[in-house]
């Protein structure tokens, strides 16, 4: 057998061994609680952070972010 065949067979053996070992790893745990509530809380916190940052930059931009904009051309 030549060197190329040995390398290919070694790579295949390594891949099969790694595939077999993955079944011995612990399974991933599911997220506790309702994932939708978690995601909405994260989104809400991000939006509040953006609104605070916009408030520091420009009052009109903050009004757009919070939905209280009265200018029909901008909103």
N, C-alpha and C. Protein backbone atom coordinates (compact mmCIF):
# COMPACT_ATOMS: atom_id res chain seq x y z
N UNK A 1 0.84 -1.17 0.00
CA UNK A 1 0.00 0.00 0.00
C UNK A 1 0.90 1.24 0.00
N UNK A 2 0.53 2.21 -0.80
CA UNK A 2 1.34 3.43 -0.87
C UNK A 2 0.94 4.41 0.23
N UNK A 3 1.70 5.48 0.34
CA UNK A 3 1.51 6.46 1.42
C UNK A 3 0.18 7.18 1.30
N UNK A 4 -0.26 7.49 0.10
CA UNK A 4 -1.52 8.20 -0.08
C UNK A 4 -2.69 7.37 0.44
N UNK A 5 -2.70 6.09 0.15
CA UNK A 5 -3.77 5.22 0.64
C UNK A 5 -3.77 5.15 2.16
N UNK A 6 -2.58 5.07 2.75
CA UNK A 6 -2.50 5.02 4.21
C UNK A 6 -3.07 6.28 4.84
N UNK A 7 -2.77 7.42 4.25
CA UNK A 7 -3.28 8.70 4.78
C UNK A 7 -4.79 8.76 4.64
N UNK A 8 -5.31 8.32 3.51
CA UNK A 8 -6.76 8.35 3.29
C UNK A 8 -7.46 7.40 4.28
N UNK A 9 -6.94 6.18 4.44
CA UNK A 9 -7.54 5.24 5.37
C UNK A 9 -7.44 5.72 6.81
N UNK A 10 -6.36 6.39 7.16
CA UNK A 10 -6.21 6.94 8.50
C UNK A 10 -7.23 8.05 8.74
N UNK A 11 -7.46 8.89 7.73
CA UNK A 11 -8.45 9.96 7.85
C UNK A 11 -9.86 9.38 8.01
N UNK A 12 -10.15 8.34 7.24
CA UNK A 12 -11.46 7.69 7.36
C UNK A 12 -11.63 7.07 8.74
N UNK A 13 -10.60 6.39 9.22
CA UNK A 13 -10.66 5.77 10.55
C UNK A 13 -10.84 6.83 11.63
N UNK A 14 -10.14 7.92 11.50
CA UNK A 14 -10.27 9.01 12.48
C UNK A 14 -11.68 9.59 12.46
N UNK A 15 -12.24 9.77 11.28
CA UNK A 15 -13.60 10.29 11.17
C UNK A 15 -14.63 9.35 11.77
N UNK A 16 -14.47 8.04 11.52
CA UNK A 16 -15.39 7.06 12.10
C UNK A 16 -15.27 7.02 13.62
N UNK A 17 -14.05 7.12 14.12
CA UNK A 17 -13.84 7.13 15.56
C UNK A 17 -14.48 8.37 16.20
N UNK A 18 -14.28 9.52 15.57
CA UNK A 18 -14.86 10.77 16.10
C UNK A 18 -16.39 10.71 16.06
N UNK A 19 -16.94 10.12 15.01
CA UNK A 19 -18.39 9.98 14.91
C UNK A 19 -18.92 9.08 16.02
N UNK A 20 -18.22 8.01 16.32
CA UNK A 20 -18.64 7.11 17.39
C UNK A 20 -18.52 7.77 18.76
N UNK A 21 -17.53 8.61 18.94
CA UNK A 21 -17.32 9.26 20.24
C UNK A 21 -18.39 10.32 20.53
N UNK A 22 -18.98 10.91 19.49
CA UNK A 22 -19.98 11.95 19.74
C UNK A 22 -21.21 11.40 20.44
N UNK A 23 -21.48 10.10 20.27
CA UNK A 23 -22.64 9.53 20.96
C UNK A 23 -22.39 9.42 22.47
N UNK A 24 -21.14 9.49 22.89
CA UNK A 24 -20.81 9.40 24.31
C UNK A 24 -20.81 10.76 25.01
N UNK A 25 -20.87 11.85 24.23
CA UNK A 25 -20.89 13.18 24.82
C UNK A 25 -22.25 13.45 25.45
N UNK A 26 -22.29 14.28 26.49
CA UNK A 26 -23.59 14.60 27.11
C UNK A 26 -24.45 15.41 26.14
N UNK A 27 -25.73 15.18 26.21
CA UNK A 27 -26.67 15.88 25.33
C UNK A 27 -26.82 17.33 25.78
N UNK A 28 -27.10 18.20 24.85
CA UNK A 28 -27.31 19.61 25.16
C UNK A 28 -28.62 19.78 25.92
N UNK A 29 -28.62 20.67 26.89
CA UNK A 29 -29.80 20.91 27.69
C UNK A 29 -30.68 21.96 27.01
N UNK A 30 -31.96 21.76 27.06
CA UNK A 30 -32.89 22.72 26.50
C UNK A 30 -32.96 23.95 27.39
N UNK A 31 -33.29 25.07 26.79
CA UNK A 31 -33.41 26.31 27.54
C UNK A 31 -34.61 26.22 28.48
N UNK A 32 -34.42 26.65 29.71
CA UNK A 32 -35.51 26.59 30.69
C UNK A 32 -36.47 27.76 30.46
N UNK A 33 -37.72 27.52 30.69
CA UNK A 33 -38.73 28.56 30.54
C UNK A 33 -39.19 28.68 29.10
N UNK A 34 -40.05 29.63 28.88
CA UNK A 34 -40.61 29.86 27.55
C UNK A 34 -39.60 30.64 26.72
N UNK A 35 -39.10 30.08 25.61
CA UNK A 35 -38.10 30.79 24.83
C UNK A 35 -38.64 32.08 24.21
N UNK A 36 -39.94 32.13 23.92
CA UNK A 36 -40.51 33.33 23.35
C UNK A 36 -40.44 34.49 24.34
N UNK A 37 -40.73 34.22 25.59
CA UNK A 37 -40.66 35.26 26.62
C UNK A 37 -39.22 35.73 26.78
N UNK A 38 -38.28 34.80 26.76
CA UNK A 38 -36.87 35.17 26.86
C UNK A 38 -36.45 36.05 25.69
N UNK A 39 -36.84 35.67 24.47
CA UNK A 39 -36.48 36.44 23.29
C UNK A 39 -37.11 37.82 23.31
N UNK A 40 -38.38 37.90 23.70
CA UNK A 40 -39.05 39.20 23.75
C UNK A 40 -38.43 40.11 24.81
N UNK A 41 -38.01 39.53 25.92
CA UNK A 41 -37.34 40.33 26.95
C UNK A 41 -36.01 40.87 26.44
N UNK A 42 -35.28 40.05 25.70
CA UNK A 42 -34.01 40.48 25.14
C UNK A 42 -34.22 41.58 24.11
N UNK A 43 -35.23 41.41 23.25
CA UNK A 43 -35.52 42.42 22.23
C UNK A 43 -35.95 43.71 22.89
N UNK A 44 -36.79 43.61 23.90
CA UNK A 44 -37.25 44.81 24.59
C UNK A 44 -36.09 45.56 25.24
N UNK A 45 -35.19 44.83 25.87
CA UNK A 45 -34.03 45.48 26.48
C UNK A 45 -33.16 46.15 25.42
N UNK A 46 -33.00 45.51 24.28
CA UNK A 46 -32.20 46.09 23.21
C UNK A 46 -32.86 47.36 22.67
N UNK A 47 -34.18 47.32 22.49
CA UNK A 47 -34.88 48.51 21.98
C UNK A 47 -34.80 49.66 22.98
N UNK A 48 -34.92 49.36 24.26
CA UNK A 48 -34.79 50.42 25.27
C UNK A 48 -33.40 51.02 25.25
N UNK A 49 -32.40 50.20 25.06
CA UNK A 49 -31.03 50.69 24.98
C UNK A 49 -30.84 51.59 23.76
N UNK A 50 -31.41 51.20 22.65
CA UNK A 50 -31.31 52.01 21.43
C UNK A 50 -32.04 53.34 21.63
N UNK A 51 -33.22 53.29 22.24
CA UNK A 51 -33.99 54.51 22.47
C UNK A 51 -33.24 55.47 23.38
N UNK A 52 -32.58 54.94 24.42
CA UNK A 52 -31.80 55.82 25.30
C UNK A 52 -30.62 56.44 24.56
N UNK A 53 -29.97 55.65 23.71
CA UNK A 53 -28.85 56.18 22.94
C UNK A 53 -29.32 57.25 21.97
N UNK A 54 -30.46 57.02 21.33
CA UNK A 54 -30.99 58.02 20.40
C UNK A 54 -31.43 59.28 21.14
N UNK A 55 -31.95 59.11 22.34
CA UNK A 55 -32.37 60.26 23.13
C UNK A 55 -31.18 61.16 23.44
N UNK A 56 -30.04 60.56 23.66
CA UNK A 56 -28.84 61.35 23.92
C UNK A 56 -28.39 62.10 22.66
N UNK A 57 -28.61 61.49 21.50
CA UNK A 57 -28.15 62.11 20.25
C UNK A 57 -29.12 63.16 19.74
N UNK A 58 -30.38 62.80 19.69
CA UNK A 58 -31.34 63.70 19.06
C UNK A 58 -32.75 63.36 19.58
N UNK A 59 -33.46 64.35 20.02
CA UNK A 59 -34.80 64.13 20.57
C UNK A 59 -35.77 63.60 19.51
N UNK A 60 -35.65 64.06 18.27
CA UNK A 60 -36.55 63.60 17.22
C UNK A 60 -36.34 62.12 16.93
N UNK A 61 -35.10 61.68 16.94
CA UNK A 61 -34.81 60.27 16.69
C UNK A 61 -35.38 59.42 17.82
N UNK A 62 -35.34 59.92 19.04
CA UNK A 62 -35.91 59.19 20.17
C UNK A 62 -37.42 59.06 20.03
N UNK A 63 -38.07 60.12 19.54
CA UNK A 63 -39.51 60.06 19.32
C UNK A 63 -39.86 59.00 18.28
N UNK A 64 -39.05 58.88 17.26
CA UNK A 64 -39.27 57.85 16.23
C UNK A 64 -39.11 56.47 16.84
N UNK A 65 -38.09 56.29 17.67
CA UNK A 65 -37.81 54.98 18.26
C UNK A 65 -38.91 54.54 19.21
N UNK A 66 -39.49 55.49 19.95
CA UNK A 66 -40.52 55.12 20.93
C UNK A 66 -41.93 55.13 20.34
N UNK A 67 -42.08 55.62 19.11
CA UNK A 67 -43.40 55.63 18.47
C UNK A 67 -44.22 56.84 18.83
N UNK A 68 -43.60 57.88 19.39
CA UNK A 68 -44.35 59.09 19.77
C UNK A 68 -44.07 60.24 18.82
N UNK A 69 -43.60 59.94 17.66
CA UNK A 69 -43.29 60.97 16.68
C UNK A 69 -44.56 61.59 16.12
N UNK A 70 -44.63 62.93 16.07
CA UNK A 70 -45.80 63.61 15.56
C UNK A 70 -45.60 64.18 14.18
N UNK A 71 -44.40 64.10 13.65
CA UNK A 71 -44.11 64.62 12.33
C UNK A 71 -44.46 63.56 11.28
N UNK A 72 -45.48 63.82 10.48
CA UNK A 72 -45.96 62.83 9.51
C UNK A 72 -44.93 62.55 8.41
N UNK A 73 -44.07 63.50 8.11
CA UNK A 73 -43.06 63.28 7.07
C UNK A 73 -41.98 62.32 7.52
N UNK A 74 -41.67 62.32 8.82
CA UNK A 74 -40.65 61.42 9.33
C UNK A 74 -41.19 60.06 9.71
N UNK A 75 -42.39 60.03 10.20
CA UNK A 75 -42.92 58.78 10.74
C UNK A 75 -43.80 58.10 9.74
